[in-house]
Amino acid sequence: MNLKKETLQVLKDNGKTAEDIRWVGGSKYAIPTELFWKLADAEYYDGYGAQEVATDLVVVGNDWWIERAEYDGSEWWEFKTLPVKPLLEKNVVSVVGGMWSTLEEIDSEWEKENEIGKCR
């Protein structure tokens, strides 16, 4: 896989171009965008095994970014955008519980358990 081509394709797939990039870097420092493009014009193995591209590498725009993701060494760019705050605001009693549960599922389960307890 060519990192530069992959990056440009992910940008295109998400309605972005190289001109939309504000900065590129890792968790400790940014690198010049021009240098990134030069270094990204390199081949790497994106299949299973070990991740080869820097794990903390990000490409950042105004309200979006792409970051490296991996599963069992297979790696790719993942496109992210800033979340939109929901209009509904709710007081919940727990943010922990269940397995792979959403906030709504945890809260709903807690409410069900406590309604059953009140009926006894």
N, C-alpha and C. Protein backbone atom coordinates (compact mmCIF):
# COMPACT_ATOMS: atom_id res chain seq x y z
N MET A 1 0.85 -1.17 0.00
CA MET A 1 0.00 0.00 0.00
C MET A 1 0.90 1.24 0.00
N ASN A 2 0.55 2.22 -0.79
CA ASN A 2 1.27 3.49 -0.81
C ASN A 2 0.54 4.46 0.12
N LEU A 3 1.23 4.95 1.15
CA LEU A 3 0.60 5.79 2.16
C LEU A 3 0.06 7.10 1.58
N LYS A 4 0.79 7.69 0.64
CA LYS A 4 0.34 8.95 0.04
C LYS A 4 -0.95 8.73 -0.75
N LYS A 5 -0.96 7.71 -1.59
CA LYS A 5 -2.16 7.42 -2.39
C LYS A 5 -3.34 7.07 -1.49
N GLU A 6 -3.08 6.27 -0.45
CA GLU A 6 -4.13 5.89 0.49
C GLU A 6 -4.70 7.13 1.17
N THR A 7 -3.83 8.03 1.61
CA THR A 7 -4.26 9.24 2.30
C THR A 7 -5.11 10.11 1.39
N LEU A 8 -4.65 10.32 0.17
CA LEU A 8 -5.41 11.13 -0.78
C LEU A 8 -6.77 10.52 -1.08
N GLN A 9 -6.83 9.19 -1.16
CA GLN A 9 -8.10 8.51 -1.43
C GLN A 9 -9.08 8.66 -0.27
N VAL A 10 -8.58 8.52 0.95
CA VAL A 10 -9.44 8.68 2.13
C VAL A 10 -9.97 10.11 2.20
N LEU A 11 -9.11 11.07 1.91
CA LEU A 11 -9.57 12.46 1.88
C LEU A 11 -10.67 12.63 0.83
N LYS A 12 -10.44 12.12 -0.36
CA LYS A 12 -11.41 12.23 -1.45
C LYS A 12 -12.73 11.55 -1.08
N ASP A 13 -12.65 10.36 -0.50
CA ASP A 13 -13.85 9.61 -0.11
C ASP A 13 -14.70 10.38 0.90
N ASN A 14 -14.07 11.32 1.62
CA ASN A 14 -14.77 12.08 2.65
C ASN A 14 -14.96 13.54 2.27
N GLY A 15 -14.85 13.83 0.97
CA GLY A 15 -15.10 15.18 0.47
C GLY A 15 -14.04 16.19 0.83
N LYS A 16 -12.83 15.74 1.07
CA LYS A 16 -11.72 16.62 1.44
C LYS A 16 -10.61 16.51 0.40
N THR A 17 -9.72 17.50 0.39
CA THR A 17 -8.54 17.48 -0.48
C THR A 17 -7.32 17.80 0.35
N ALA A 18 -6.15 17.71 -0.24
CA ALA A 18 -4.91 18.05 0.45
C ALA A 18 -4.92 19.50 0.92
N GLU A 19 -5.63 20.36 0.20
CA GLU A 19 -5.70 21.78 0.58
C GLU A 19 -6.50 22.00 1.87
N ASP A 20 -7.31 21.02 2.27
CA ASP A 20 -8.11 21.14 3.49
C ASP A 20 -7.31 20.80 4.75
N ILE A 21 -6.10 20.31 4.58
CA ILE A 21 -5.27 19.91 5.73
C ILE A 21 -4.71 21.15 6.42
N ARG A 22 -4.82 21.18 7.75
CA ARG A 22 -4.26 22.28 8.56
C ARG A 22 -2.90 21.90 9.14
N TRP A 23 -2.76 20.64 9.56
CA TRP A 23 -1.47 20.18 10.07
C TRP A 23 -1.41 18.66 10.08
N VAL A 24 -0.18 18.15 10.17
CA VAL A 24 0.09 16.71 10.22
C VAL A 24 1.08 16.49 11.35
N GLY A 25 0.94 15.40 12.07
CA GLY A 25 1.91 15.14 13.12
C GLY A 25 1.55 13.94 13.97
N GLY A 26 2.14 13.92 15.15
CA GLY A 26 1.93 12.84 16.11
C GLY A 26 1.54 13.42 17.45
N SER A 27 1.67 12.63 18.49
CA SER A 27 1.25 13.07 19.82
C SER A 27 2.21 14.08 20.45
N LYS A 28 3.45 14.15 19.98
CA LYS A 28 4.44 15.05 20.59
C LYS A 28 4.78 16.26 19.74
N TYR A 29 4.60 16.18 18.40
CA TYR A 29 4.95 17.32 17.56
C TYR A 29 4.31 17.22 16.18
N ALA A 30 4.22 18.37 15.55
CA ALA A 30 3.73 18.45 14.17
C ALA A 30 4.93 18.36 13.23
N ILE A 31 4.66 17.97 12.00
CA ILE A 31 5.70 17.97 10.97
C ILE A 31 5.20 18.81 9.80
N PRO A 32 6.09 19.42 9.06
CA PRO A 32 5.66 20.20 7.90
C PRO A 32 4.86 19.32 6.92
N THR A 33 3.74 19.84 6.47
CA THR A 33 2.88 19.08 5.56
C THR A 33 3.61 18.66 4.30
N GLU A 34 4.46 19.54 3.77
CA GLU A 34 5.22 19.20 2.58
C GLU A 34 6.12 17.99 2.82
N LEU A 35 6.73 17.95 4.01
CA LEU A 35 7.59 16.83 4.36
C LEU A 35 6.76 15.55 4.50
N PHE A 36 5.59 15.66 5.09
CA PHE A 36 4.71 14.49 5.20
C PHE A 36 4.44 13.90 3.83
N TRP A 37 4.05 14.73 2.86
CA TRP A 37 3.72 14.21 1.52
C TRP A 37 4.93 13.52 0.89
N LYS A 38 6.11 14.07 1.11
CA LYS A 38 7.32 13.46 0.56
C LYS A 38 7.57 12.10 1.21
N LEU A 39 7.47 12.04 2.53
CA LEU A 39 7.73 10.80 3.25
C LEU A 39 6.62 9.78 3.07
N ALA A 40 5.39 10.25 2.86
CA ALA A 40 4.25 9.35 2.70
C ALA A 40 4.25 8.64 1.35
N ASP A 41 5.03 9.13 0.41
CA ASP A 41 5.12 8.46 -0.89
C ASP A 41 6.00 7.23 -0.74
N ALA A 42 5.53 6.31 0.07
CA ALA A 42 6.29 5.10 0.42
C ALA A 42 5.32 3.92 0.52
N GLU A 43 5.84 2.75 0.24
CA GLU A 43 5.05 1.53 0.31
C GLU A 43 5.15 0.92 1.71
N TYR A 44 4.05 0.36 2.17
CA TYR A 44 4.05 -0.39 3.42
C TYR A 44 3.06 -1.54 3.27
N TYR A 45 3.19 -2.54 4.13
CA TYR A 45 2.29 -3.69 4.11
C TYR A 45 1.15 -3.41 5.06
N ASP A 46 -0.08 -3.35 4.52
CA ASP A 46 -1.23 -3.01 5.35
C ASP A 46 -2.00 -4.23 5.83
N GLY A 47 -1.47 -5.42 5.56
CA GLY A 47 -2.16 -6.65 5.97
C GLY A 47 -1.84 -7.01 7.41
N TYR A 48 -2.29 -8.18 7.79
CA TYR A 48 -2.10 -8.64 9.17
C TYR A 48 -0.62 -8.84 9.48
N GLY A 49 -0.28 -8.66 10.73
CA GLY A 49 1.11 -8.79 11.17
C GLY A 49 1.41 -7.71 12.18
N ALA A 50 2.19 -6.71 11.78
CA ALA A 50 2.54 -5.62 12.68
C ALA A 50 2.29 -4.29 11.96
N GLN A 51 1.82 -3.33 12.71
CA GLN A 51 1.56 -2.00 12.15
C GLN A 51 2.89 -1.35 11.77
N GLU A 52 2.98 -0.78 10.57
CA GLU A 52 4.22 -0.19 10.09
C GLU A 52 4.21 1.34 10.09
N VAL A 53 3.05 1.94 9.86
CA VAL A 53 2.93 3.40 9.86
C VAL A 53 2.84 3.86 11.31
N ALA A 54 3.44 5.01 11.62
CA ALA A 54 3.42 5.54 13.00
C ALA A 54 2.01 5.50 13.56
N THR A 55 1.86 4.88 14.72
CA THR A 55 0.53 4.67 15.30
C THR A 55 -0.15 5.96 15.75
N ASP A 56 0.63 7.02 16.02
CA ASP A 56 0.04 8.27 16.49
C ASP A 56 -0.08 9.31 15.38
N LEU A 57 0.17 8.91 14.13
CA LEU A 57 0.11 9.84 13.01
C LEU A 57 -1.32 10.31 12.77
N VAL A 58 -1.50 11.63 12.67
CA VAL A 58 -2.80 12.21 12.35
C VAL A 58 -2.64 13.26 11.27
N VAL A 59 -3.69 13.40 10.47
CA VAL A 59 -3.80 14.46 9.47
C VAL A 59 -5.05 15.23 9.87
N VAL A 60 -4.90 16.55 10.11
CA VAL A 60 -5.96 17.31 10.76
C VAL A 60 -6.44 18.46 9.88
N GLY A 61 -7.77 18.61 9.82
CA GLY A 61 -8.40 19.74 9.15
C GLY A 61 -9.10 20.62 10.18
N ASN A 62 -10.01 21.47 9.72
CA ASN A 62 -10.70 22.39 10.63
C ASN A 62 -11.59 21.68 11.65
N ASP A 63 -12.43 20.78 11.22
CA ASP A 63 -13.34 20.10 12.13
C ASP A 63 -13.32 18.59 11.92
N TRP A 64 -12.22 18.09 11.41
CA TRP A 64 -12.07 16.67 11.11
C TRP A 64 -10.61 16.26 11.26
N TRP A 65 -10.39 14.97 11.30
CA TRP A 65 -9.03 14.43 11.28
C TRP A 65 -9.09 12.98 10.83
N ILE A 66 -7.96 12.47 10.36
CA ILE A 66 -7.83 11.04 10.13
C ILE A 66 -6.72 10.54 11.03
N GLU A 67 -6.95 9.36 11.58
CA GLU A 67 -5.97 8.75 12.47
C GLU A 67 -5.80 7.30 12.08
N ARG A 68 -4.70 6.74 12.47
CA ARG A 68 -4.41 5.35 12.15
C ARG A 68 -5.24 4.43 13.04
N ALA A 69 -5.76 3.39 12.43
CA ALA A 69 -6.50 2.36 13.15
C ALA A 69 -5.90 1.03 12.73
N GLU A 70 -6.08 0.03 13.57
CA GLU A 70 -5.54 -1.28 13.23
C GLU A 70 -6.31 -2.37 13.93
N TYR A 71 -6.25 -3.54 13.33
CA TYR A 71 -6.78 -4.75 13.94
C TYR A 71 -5.81 -5.86 13.60
N ASP A 72 -5.20 -6.42 14.61
CA ASP A 72 -4.28 -7.54 14.43
C ASP A 72 -3.14 -7.20 13.46
N GLY A 73 -2.75 -5.93 13.47
CA GLY A 73 -1.66 -5.50 12.60
C GLY A 73 -2.12 -4.96 11.26
N SER A 74 -3.32 -5.31 10.82
CA SER A 74 -3.88 -4.74 9.59
C SER A 74 -4.22 -3.29 9.90
N GLU A 75 -3.81 -2.35 9.04
CA GLU A 75 -3.98 -0.95 9.39
C GLU A 75 -4.60 -0.13 8.27
N TRP A 76 -5.17 1.01 8.65
CA TRP A 76 -5.86 1.89 7.72
C TRP A 76 -6.07 3.25 8.38
N TRP A 77 -6.50 4.24 7.57
CA TRP A 77 -6.90 5.54 8.08
C TRP A 77 -8.36 5.46 8.51
N GLU A 78 -8.69 6.12 9.59
CA GLU A 78 -10.07 6.23 10.04
C GLU A 78 -10.42 7.71 10.08
N PHE A 79 -11.48 8.10 9.36
CA PHE A 79 -11.91 9.50 9.28
C PHE A 79 -12.78 9.83 10.48
N LYS A 80 -12.48 10.94 11.14
CA LYS A 80 -13.22 11.38 12.33
C LYS A 80 -13.67 12.83 12.16
N THR A 81 -14.82 13.14 12.73
CA THR A 81 -15.29 14.53 12.78
C THR A 81 -15.69 14.84 14.22
N LEU A 82 -15.72 16.13 14.53
CA LEU A 82 -16.15 16.53 15.86
C LEU A 82 -17.60 16.11 16.06
N PRO A 83 -17.92 15.50 17.21
CA PRO A 83 -19.30 15.10 17.44
C PRO A 83 -20.20 16.32 17.65
N VAL A 84 -21.44 16.17 17.25
CA VAL A 84 -22.43 17.22 17.43
C VAL A 84 -23.15 16.95 18.76
N LYS A 85 -23.26 17.97 19.60
CA LYS A 85 -23.93 17.81 20.88
C LYS A 85 -25.41 17.56 20.66
N PRO A 86 -25.96 16.48 21.22
CA PRO A 86 -27.39 16.22 21.09
C PRO A 86 -28.22 17.34 21.72
N LEU A 87 -29.41 17.55 21.19
CA LEU A 87 -30.29 18.58 21.73
C LEU A 87 -30.82 18.19 23.11
N LEU A 88 -31.03 16.89 23.32
CA LEU A 88 -31.55 16.38 24.59
C LEU A 88 -30.42 16.28 25.60
N GLU A 89 -30.65 16.79 26.80
CA GLU A 89 -29.71 16.63 27.91
C GLU A 89 -30.44 15.91 29.02
N LYS A 90 -29.82 14.91 29.63
CA LYS A 90 -30.49 14.05 30.60
C LYS A 90 -29.57 13.75 31.77
N ASN A 91 -30.12 13.76 32.97
CA ASN A 91 -29.38 13.31 34.15
C ASN A 91 -29.45 11.79 34.18
N VAL A 92 -28.31 11.13 34.18
CA VAL A 92 -28.26 9.67 34.25
C VAL A 92 -27.65 9.29 35.58
N VAL A 93 -27.82 8.03 35.95
CA VAL A 93 -27.31 7.58 37.24
C VAL A 93 -26.03 6.76 37.13
N SER A 94 -25.70 6.34 35.90
CA SER A 94 -24.48 5.54 35.74
C SER A 94 -23.96 5.68 34.32
N VAL A 95 -22.65 5.61 34.18
CA VAL A 95 -22.00 5.57 32.86
C VAL A 95 -21.20 4.28 32.72
N VAL A 96 -21.36 3.36 33.70
CA VAL A 96 -20.64 2.10 33.72
C VAL A 96 -21.64 0.97 33.88
N GLY A 97 -21.48 -0.07 33.07
CA GLY A 97 -22.36 -1.24 33.22
C GLY A 97 -22.51 -1.97 31.91
N GLY A 98 -22.83 -3.23 32.00
CA GLY A 98 -23.03 -4.01 30.80
C GLY A 98 -21.73 -4.27 30.07
N MET A 99 -21.87 -4.90 28.93
CA MET A 99 -20.71 -5.17 28.08
C MET A 99 -20.97 -4.57 26.72
N TRP A 100 -20.10 -3.70 26.25
CA TRP A 100 -20.24 -3.01 24.97
C TRP A 100 -21.56 -2.24 24.91
N SER A 101 -21.99 -1.69 26.04
CA SER A 101 -23.26 -0.99 26.11
C SER A 101 -23.10 0.49 25.82
N THR A 102 -24.14 1.09 25.25
CA THR A 102 -24.17 2.53 25.05
C THR A 102 -24.64 3.21 26.33
N LEU A 103 -24.46 4.50 26.40
CA LEU A 103 -24.94 5.26 27.55
C LEU A 103 -26.45 5.07 27.73
N GLU A 104 -27.18 5.12 26.64
CA GLU A 104 -28.64 4.95 26.70
C GLU A 104 -29.01 3.55 27.21
N GLU A 105 -28.31 2.53 26.75
CA GLU A 105 -28.60 1.16 27.20
C GLU A 105 -28.31 0.99 28.69
N ILE A 106 -27.21 1.54 29.17
CA ILE A 106 -26.87 1.44 30.60
C ILE A 106 -27.93 2.14 31.43
N ASP A 107 -28.31 3.34 31.03
CA ASP A 107 -29.31 4.11 31.78
C ASP A 107 -30.66 3.41 31.76
N SER A 108 -31.06 2.90 30.61
CA SER A 108 -32.35 2.21 30.48
C SER A 108 -32.38 0.95 31.34
N GLU A 109 -31.29 0.19 31.33
CA GLU A 109 -31.22 -1.04 32.14
C GLU A 109 -31.30 -0.70 33.63
N TRP A 110 -30.62 0.35 34.05
CA TRP A 110 -30.66 0.75 35.45
C TRP A 110 -32.08 1.15 35.83
N GLU A 111 -32.75 1.91 34.97
CA GLU A 111 -34.13 2.33 35.26
C GLU A 111 -35.05 1.13 35.37
N LYS A 112 -34.90 0.12 34.48
CA LYS A 112 -35.73 -1.09 34.53
C LYS A 112 -35.51 -1.83 35.84
N GLU A 113 -34.26 -2.01 36.22
CA GLU A 113 -33.95 -2.74 37.45
C GLU A 113 -34.53 -2.05 38.67
N ASN A 114 -34.49 -0.73 38.70
CA ASN A 114 -35.00 -0.01 39.86
C ASN A 114 -36.52 0.09 39.86
N GLU A 115 -37.17 0.07 38.73
CA GLU A 115 -38.64 0.03 38.68
C GLU A 115 -39.14 -1.31 39.19
N ILE A 116 -38.45 -2.41 38.81
CA ILE A 116 -38.82 -3.74 39.29
C ILE A 116 -38.67 -3.80 40.80
N GLY A 117 -37.60 -3.23 41.33
CA GLY A 117 -37.36 -3.23 42.76
C GLY A 117 -38.42 -2.45 43.52
N LYS A 118 -38.94 -1.37 42.94
CA LYS A 118 -39.97 -0.55 43.58
C LYS A 118 -41.30 -1.29 43.68
N CYS A 119 -41.54 -2.21 42.76
CA CYS A 119 -42.82 -2.93 42.70
C CYS A 119 -42.90 -4.04 43.73
N ARG A 120 -41.82 -4.43 44.33
CA ARG A 120 -41.81 -5.55 45.28
C ARG A 120 -42.27 -5.14 46.64
